[in-house]
Amino acid sequence: MTQIQLVKLIGQEVRQRKLVIVLLLACILSALAVVQMSHLNRQLTIQQELNYSQRDQLDTEWRNLLLEQRALAEHSRVEEIARRQLNMQRPTGKHDVTVTLP
């Protein structure tokens, strides 16, 4: 059998088995896609857990900041600082000024 005849024989076999070859390639590509999607899914799950952890940490920090803000804005504390550091006093009745709009 010559080389030319062998090439013709292989060409005939490939033409006869076109569907099988296409299905084999589709199967291989599908398997590679499954592997890729599984990998991406794992990465996204890990990232999601990190985001949840960060969210919880930021939520705790936010609550602490709100508590601190409320403590710093208490009326008695503000009044004490005004008296002590700024030498301010509450105005008496004769020092009250009423502003009226025209």
N, C-alpha and C. Protein backbone atom coordinates (compact mmCIF):
# COMPACT_ATOMS: atom_id res chain seq x y z
N MET A 1 0.85 -1.16 0.00
CA MET A 1 0.00 0.00 0.00
C MET A 1 0.90 1.23 0.00
N THR A 2 0.63 2.10 -0.89
CA THR A 2 1.46 3.30 -1.01
C THR A 2 0.96 4.38 -0.05
N GLN A 3 1.78 5.37 0.04
CA GLN A 3 1.46 6.46 0.96
C GLN A 3 0.23 7.22 0.47
N ILE A 4 0.06 7.41 -0.79
CA ILE A 4 -1.08 8.12 -1.36
C ILE A 4 -2.37 7.36 -1.06
N GLN A 5 -2.33 6.06 -1.20
CA GLN A 5 -3.50 5.24 -0.92
C GLN A 5 -3.85 5.30 0.58
N LEU A 6 -2.85 5.33 1.41
CA LEU A 6 -3.06 5.41 2.86
C LEU A 6 -3.73 6.74 3.22
N VAL A 7 -3.29 7.82 2.62
CA VAL A 7 -3.89 9.13 2.87
C VAL A 7 -5.34 9.14 2.41
N LYS A 8 -5.62 8.54 1.26
CA LYS A 8 -7.00 8.47 0.76
C LYS A 8 -7.86 7.64 1.70
N LEU A 9 -7.32 6.54 2.20
CA LEU A 9 -8.05 5.67 3.12
C LEU A 9 -8.36 6.41 4.43
N ILE A 10 -7.40 7.14 4.94
CA ILE A 10 -7.61 7.92 6.18
C ILE A 10 -8.66 9.00 5.93
N GLY A 11 -8.59 9.67 4.78
CA GLY A 11 -9.58 10.69 4.42
C GLY A 11 -10.98 10.12 4.36
N GLN A 12 -11.13 8.94 3.79
CA GLN A 12 -12.45 8.30 3.72
C GLN A 12 -12.96 7.97 5.12
N GLU A 13 -12.09 7.45 5.97
CA GLU A 13 -12.49 7.09 7.34
C GLU A 13 -12.93 8.34 8.12
N VAL A 14 -12.18 9.42 7.93
CA VAL A 14 -12.54 10.66 8.64
C VAL A 14 -13.89 11.16 8.16
N ARG A 15 -14.15 11.11 6.84
CA ARG A 15 -15.44 11.56 6.31
C ARG A 15 -16.57 10.69 6.83
N GLN A 16 -16.33 9.42 6.95
CA GLN A 16 -17.37 8.51 7.43
C GLN A 16 -17.64 8.72 8.92
N ARG A 17 -16.64 9.11 9.65
CA ARG A 17 -16.78 9.24 11.11
C ARG A 17 -16.82 10.72 11.55
N LYS A 18 -17.26 11.61 10.69
CA LYS A 18 -17.31 13.04 11.00
C LYS A 18 -18.13 13.30 12.28
N LEU A 19 -19.28 12.71 12.36
CA LEU A 19 -20.16 12.94 13.50
C LEU A 19 -19.50 12.48 14.81
N VAL A 20 -18.83 11.33 14.75
CA VAL A 20 -18.17 10.81 15.94
C VAL A 20 -17.05 11.76 16.39
N ILE A 21 -16.29 12.28 15.42
CA ILE A 21 -15.20 13.20 15.74
C ILE A 21 -15.74 14.50 16.32
N VAL A 22 -16.80 15.02 15.73
CA VAL A 22 -17.40 16.26 16.23
C VAL A 22 -17.94 16.05 17.64
N LEU A 23 -18.60 14.93 17.88
CA LEU A 23 -19.12 14.65 19.21
C LEU A 23 -18.00 14.46 20.23
N LEU A 24 -16.91 13.84 19.82
CA LEU A 24 -15.76 13.68 20.70
C LEU A 24 -15.16 15.04 21.09
N LEU A 25 -15.00 15.91 20.11
CA LEU A 25 -14.49 17.25 20.39
C LEU A 25 -15.44 18.03 21.29
N ALA A 26 -16.74 17.90 21.04
CA ALA A 26 -17.73 18.58 21.88
C ALA A 26 -17.67 18.07 23.31
N CYS A 27 -17.48 16.78 23.46
CA CYS A 27 -17.38 16.18 24.79
C CYS A 27 -16.14 16.69 25.53
N ILE A 28 -15.02 16.78 24.85
CA ILE A 28 -13.79 17.26 25.45
C ILE A 28 -13.93 18.73 25.85
N LEU A 29 -14.50 19.54 24.95
CA LEU A 29 -14.70 20.95 25.27
C LEU A 29 -15.67 21.13 26.43
N SER A 30 -16.69 20.31 26.47
CA SER A 30 -17.65 20.37 27.57
C SER A 30 -16.98 20.02 28.90
N ALA A 31 -16.12 19.01 28.89
CA ALA A 31 -15.41 18.63 30.12
C ALA A 31 -14.50 19.76 30.59
N LEU A 32 -13.80 20.40 29.67
CA LEU A 32 -12.93 21.53 30.03
C LEU A 32 -13.74 22.70 30.59
N ALA A 33 -14.92 22.93 30.01
CA ALA A 33 -15.79 24.00 30.51
C ALA A 33 -16.28 23.70 31.92
N VAL A 34 -16.59 22.45 32.20
CA VAL A 34 -17.03 22.06 33.55
C VAL A 34 -15.92 22.30 34.56
N VAL A 35 -14.70 21.92 34.21
CA VAL A 35 -13.56 22.14 35.11
C VAL A 35 -13.35 23.62 35.36
N GLN A 36 -13.42 24.42 34.32
CA GLN A 36 -13.23 25.87 34.46
C GLN A 36 -14.32 26.48 35.33
N MET A 37 -15.57 26.11 35.11
CA MET A 37 -16.68 26.66 35.89
C MET A 37 -16.60 26.23 37.36
N SER A 38 -16.16 25.02 37.61
CA SER A 38 -15.99 24.56 38.99
C SER A 38 -14.92 25.38 39.70
N HIS A 39 -13.84 25.65 39.01
CA HIS A 39 -12.76 26.46 39.57
C HIS A 39 -13.26 27.88 39.88
N LEU A 40 -13.96 28.48 38.93
CA LEU A 40 -14.50 29.82 39.15
C LEU A 40 -15.49 29.84 40.30
N ASN A 41 -16.31 28.80 40.39
CA ASN A 41 -17.29 28.72 41.48
C ASN A 41 -16.60 28.67 42.83
N ARG A 42 -15.52 27.90 42.94
CA ARG A 42 -14.76 27.83 44.20
C ARG A 42 -14.16 29.19 44.55
N GLN A 43 -13.59 29.85 43.56
CA GLN A 43 -12.99 31.17 43.82
C GLN A 43 -14.05 32.17 44.28
N LEU A 44 -15.21 32.16 43.64
CA LEU A 44 -16.27 33.10 44.01
C LEU A 44 -16.83 32.79 45.39
N THR A 45 -16.91 31.51 45.75
CA THR A 45 -17.38 31.14 47.08
C THR A 45 -16.41 31.63 48.15
N ILE A 46 -15.12 31.48 47.90
CA ILE A 46 -14.10 31.97 48.84
C ILE A 46 -14.20 33.49 48.97
N GLN A 47 -14.35 34.19 47.86
CA GLN A 47 -14.47 35.64 47.88
C GLN A 47 -15.73 36.08 48.62
N GLN A 48 -16.80 35.35 48.44
CA GLN A 48 -18.05 35.67 49.13
C GLN A 48 -17.89 35.54 50.65
N GLU A 49 -17.21 34.51 51.09
CA GLU A 49 -16.98 34.34 52.53
C GLU A 49 -16.11 35.46 53.08
N LEU A 50 -15.10 35.88 52.32
CA LEU A 50 -14.27 37.00 52.74
C LEU A 50 -15.09 38.28 52.83
N ASN A 51 -15.98 38.49 51.86
CA ASN A 51 -16.83 39.68 51.87
C ASN A 51 -17.79 39.66 53.06
N TYR A 52 -18.35 38.50 53.38
CA TYR A 52 -19.23 38.39 54.55
C TYR A 52 -18.47 38.72 55.83
N SER A 53 -17.26 38.23 55.93
CA SER A 53 -16.44 38.49 57.11
C SER A 53 -16.13 39.98 57.23
N GLN A 54 -15.78 40.60 56.12
CA GLN A 54 -15.49 42.03 56.12
C GLN A 54 -16.74 42.83 56.46
N ARG A 55 -17.89 42.41 55.93
CA ARG A 55 -19.14 43.10 56.23
C ARG A 55 -19.44 43.05 57.73
N ASP A 56 -19.25 41.89 58.34
CA ASP A 56 -19.50 41.76 59.77
C ASP A 56 -18.55 42.64 60.58
N GLN A 57 -17.29 42.69 60.17
CA GLN A 57 -16.31 43.53 60.86
C GLN A 57 -16.68 45.00 60.73
N LEU A 58 -17.06 45.43 59.53
CA LEU A 58 -17.45 46.83 59.33
C LEU A 58 -18.73 47.17 60.08
N ASP A 59 -19.65 46.24 60.18
CA ASP A 59 -20.89 46.46 60.91
C ASP A 59 -20.60 46.66 62.40
N THR A 60 -19.70 45.85 62.94
CA THR A 60 -19.31 45.99 64.35
C THR A 60 -18.63 47.34 64.58
N GLU A 61 -17.75 47.73 63.67
CA GLU A 61 -17.07 49.02 63.79
C GLU A 61 -18.07 50.17 63.71
N TRP A 62 -19.05 50.06 62.83
CA TRP A 62 -20.07 51.10 62.67
C TRP A 62 -20.89 51.25 63.96
N ARG A 63 -21.26 50.13 64.56
CA ARG A 63 -22.02 50.19 65.82
C ARG A 63 -21.19 50.85 66.93
N ASN A 64 -19.91 50.52 66.98
CA ASN A 64 -19.04 51.14 67.98
C ASN A 64 -18.92 52.65 67.75
N LEU A 65 -18.82 53.04 66.49
CA LEU A 65 -18.74 54.47 66.19
C LEU A 65 -20.03 55.20 66.54
N LEU A 66 -21.17 54.57 66.32
CA LEU A 66 -22.44 55.18 66.71
C LEU A 66 -22.52 55.37 68.22
N LEU A 67 -22.08 54.35 68.97
CA LEU A 67 -22.08 54.48 70.43
C LEU A 67 -21.15 55.60 70.88
N GLU A 68 -20.00 55.69 70.26
CA GLU A 68 -19.06 56.75 70.61
C GLU A 68 -19.63 58.12 70.27
N GLN A 69 -20.28 58.23 69.12
CA GLN A 69 -20.88 59.50 68.72
C GLN A 69 -21.97 59.92 69.70
N ARG A 70 -22.79 58.98 70.10
CA ARG A 70 -23.85 59.30 71.07
C ARG A 70 -23.26 59.74 72.41
N ALA A 71 -22.20 59.06 72.82
CA ALA A 71 -21.57 59.42 74.09
C ALA A 71 -20.96 60.81 74.01
N LEU A 72 -20.33 61.15 72.89
CA LEU A 72 -19.70 62.46 72.75
C LEU A 72 -20.71 63.58 72.57
N ALA A 73 -21.89 63.27 72.09
CA ALA A 73 -22.90 64.30 71.82
C ALA A 73 -23.91 64.45 72.95
N GLU A 74 -23.72 63.77 74.05
CA GLU A 74 -24.66 63.90 75.16
C GLU A 74 -24.69 65.35 75.63
N HIS A 75 -25.87 65.83 75.94
CA HIS A 75 -26.06 67.23 76.31
C HIS A 75 -25.24 67.60 77.55
N SER A 76 -25.24 66.71 78.54
CA SER A 76 -24.51 67.02 79.77
C SER A 76 -23.01 67.13 79.52
N ARG A 77 -22.48 66.30 78.65
CA ARG A 77 -21.06 66.35 78.34
C ARG A 77 -20.72 67.64 77.60
N VAL A 78 -21.56 68.01 76.62
CA VAL A 78 -21.32 69.23 75.85
C VAL A 78 -21.40 70.44 76.78
N GLU A 79 -22.37 70.44 77.68
CA GLU A 79 -22.52 71.56 78.60
C GLU A 79 -21.32 71.65 79.55
N GLU A 80 -20.82 70.52 80.03
CA GLU A 80 -19.66 70.51 80.92
C GLU A 80 -18.42 71.05 80.21
N ILE A 81 -18.19 70.65 78.98
CA ILE A 81 -17.04 71.15 78.21
C ILE A 81 -17.17 72.65 77.96
N ALA A 82 -18.39 73.11 77.66
CA ALA A 82 -18.61 74.54 77.42
C ALA A 82 -18.30 75.35 78.68
N ARG A 83 -18.69 74.83 79.83
CA ARG A 83 -18.42 75.56 81.09
C ARG A 83 -16.94 75.54 81.44
N ARG A 84 -16.35 74.37 81.37
CA ARG A 84 -14.99 74.20 81.85
C ARG A 84 -13.96 74.80 80.90
N GLN A 85 -14.03 74.48 79.61
CA GLN A 85 -12.98 74.89 78.68
C GLN A 85 -13.24 76.26 78.05
N LEU A 86 -14.49 76.58 77.83
CA LEU A 86 -14.81 77.84 77.12
C LEU A 86 -15.35 78.92 78.05
N ASN A 87 -15.48 78.60 79.35
CA ASN A 87 -16.01 79.54 80.33
C ASN A 87 -17.37 80.09 79.92
N MET A 88 -18.21 79.25 79.38
CA MET A 88 -19.54 79.67 78.95
C MET A 88 -20.52 79.41 80.08
N GLN A 89 -21.57 80.20 80.10
CA GLN A 89 -22.63 80.03 81.09
C GLN A 89 -23.96 80.10 80.38
N ARG A 90 -24.94 79.49 81.03
CA ARG A 90 -26.28 79.57 80.49
C ARG A 90 -26.80 80.99 80.68
N PRO A 91 -27.41 81.56 79.64
CA PRO A 91 -27.88 82.95 79.77
C PRO A 91 -29.06 83.04 80.75
N THR A 92 -29.08 84.13 81.49
CA THR A 92 -30.21 84.37 82.39
C THR A 92 -31.30 85.09 81.62
N GLY A 93 -32.41 85.32 82.27
CA GLY A 93 -33.55 85.95 81.60
C GLY A 93 -33.23 87.31 81.02
N LYS A 94 -32.40 88.12 81.72
CA LYS A 94 -32.11 89.46 81.21
C LYS A 94 -31.13 89.44 80.02
N HIS A 95 -30.41 88.34 79.84
CA HIS A 95 -29.47 88.22 78.73
C HIS A 95 -30.06 87.51 77.51
N ASP A 96 -31.28 87.06 77.61
CA ASP A 96 -31.93 86.40 76.46
C ASP A 96 -32.22 87.42 75.38
N VAL A 97 -31.92 87.05 74.16
CA VAL A 97 -32.20 87.93 73.02
C VAL A 97 -33.15 87.19 72.09
N THR A 98 -34.24 87.86 71.73
CA THR A 98 -35.21 87.25 70.83
C THR A 98 -35.04 87.87 69.46
N VAL A 99 -34.94 87.05 68.47
CA VAL A 99 -34.77 87.53 67.09
C VAL A 99 -36.10 87.30 66.39
N THR A 100 -36.62 88.36 65.80
CA THR A 100 -37.88 88.25 65.05
C THR A 100 -37.60 88.55 63.59
N LEU A 101 -38.27 87.88 62.75
CA LEU A 101 -38.10 88.10 61.31
C LEU A 101 -39.08 89.19 60.86
N PRO A 102 -38.65 90.07 59.96
CA PRO A 102 -39.55 91.15 59.51
C PRO A 102 -40.66 90.61 58.62
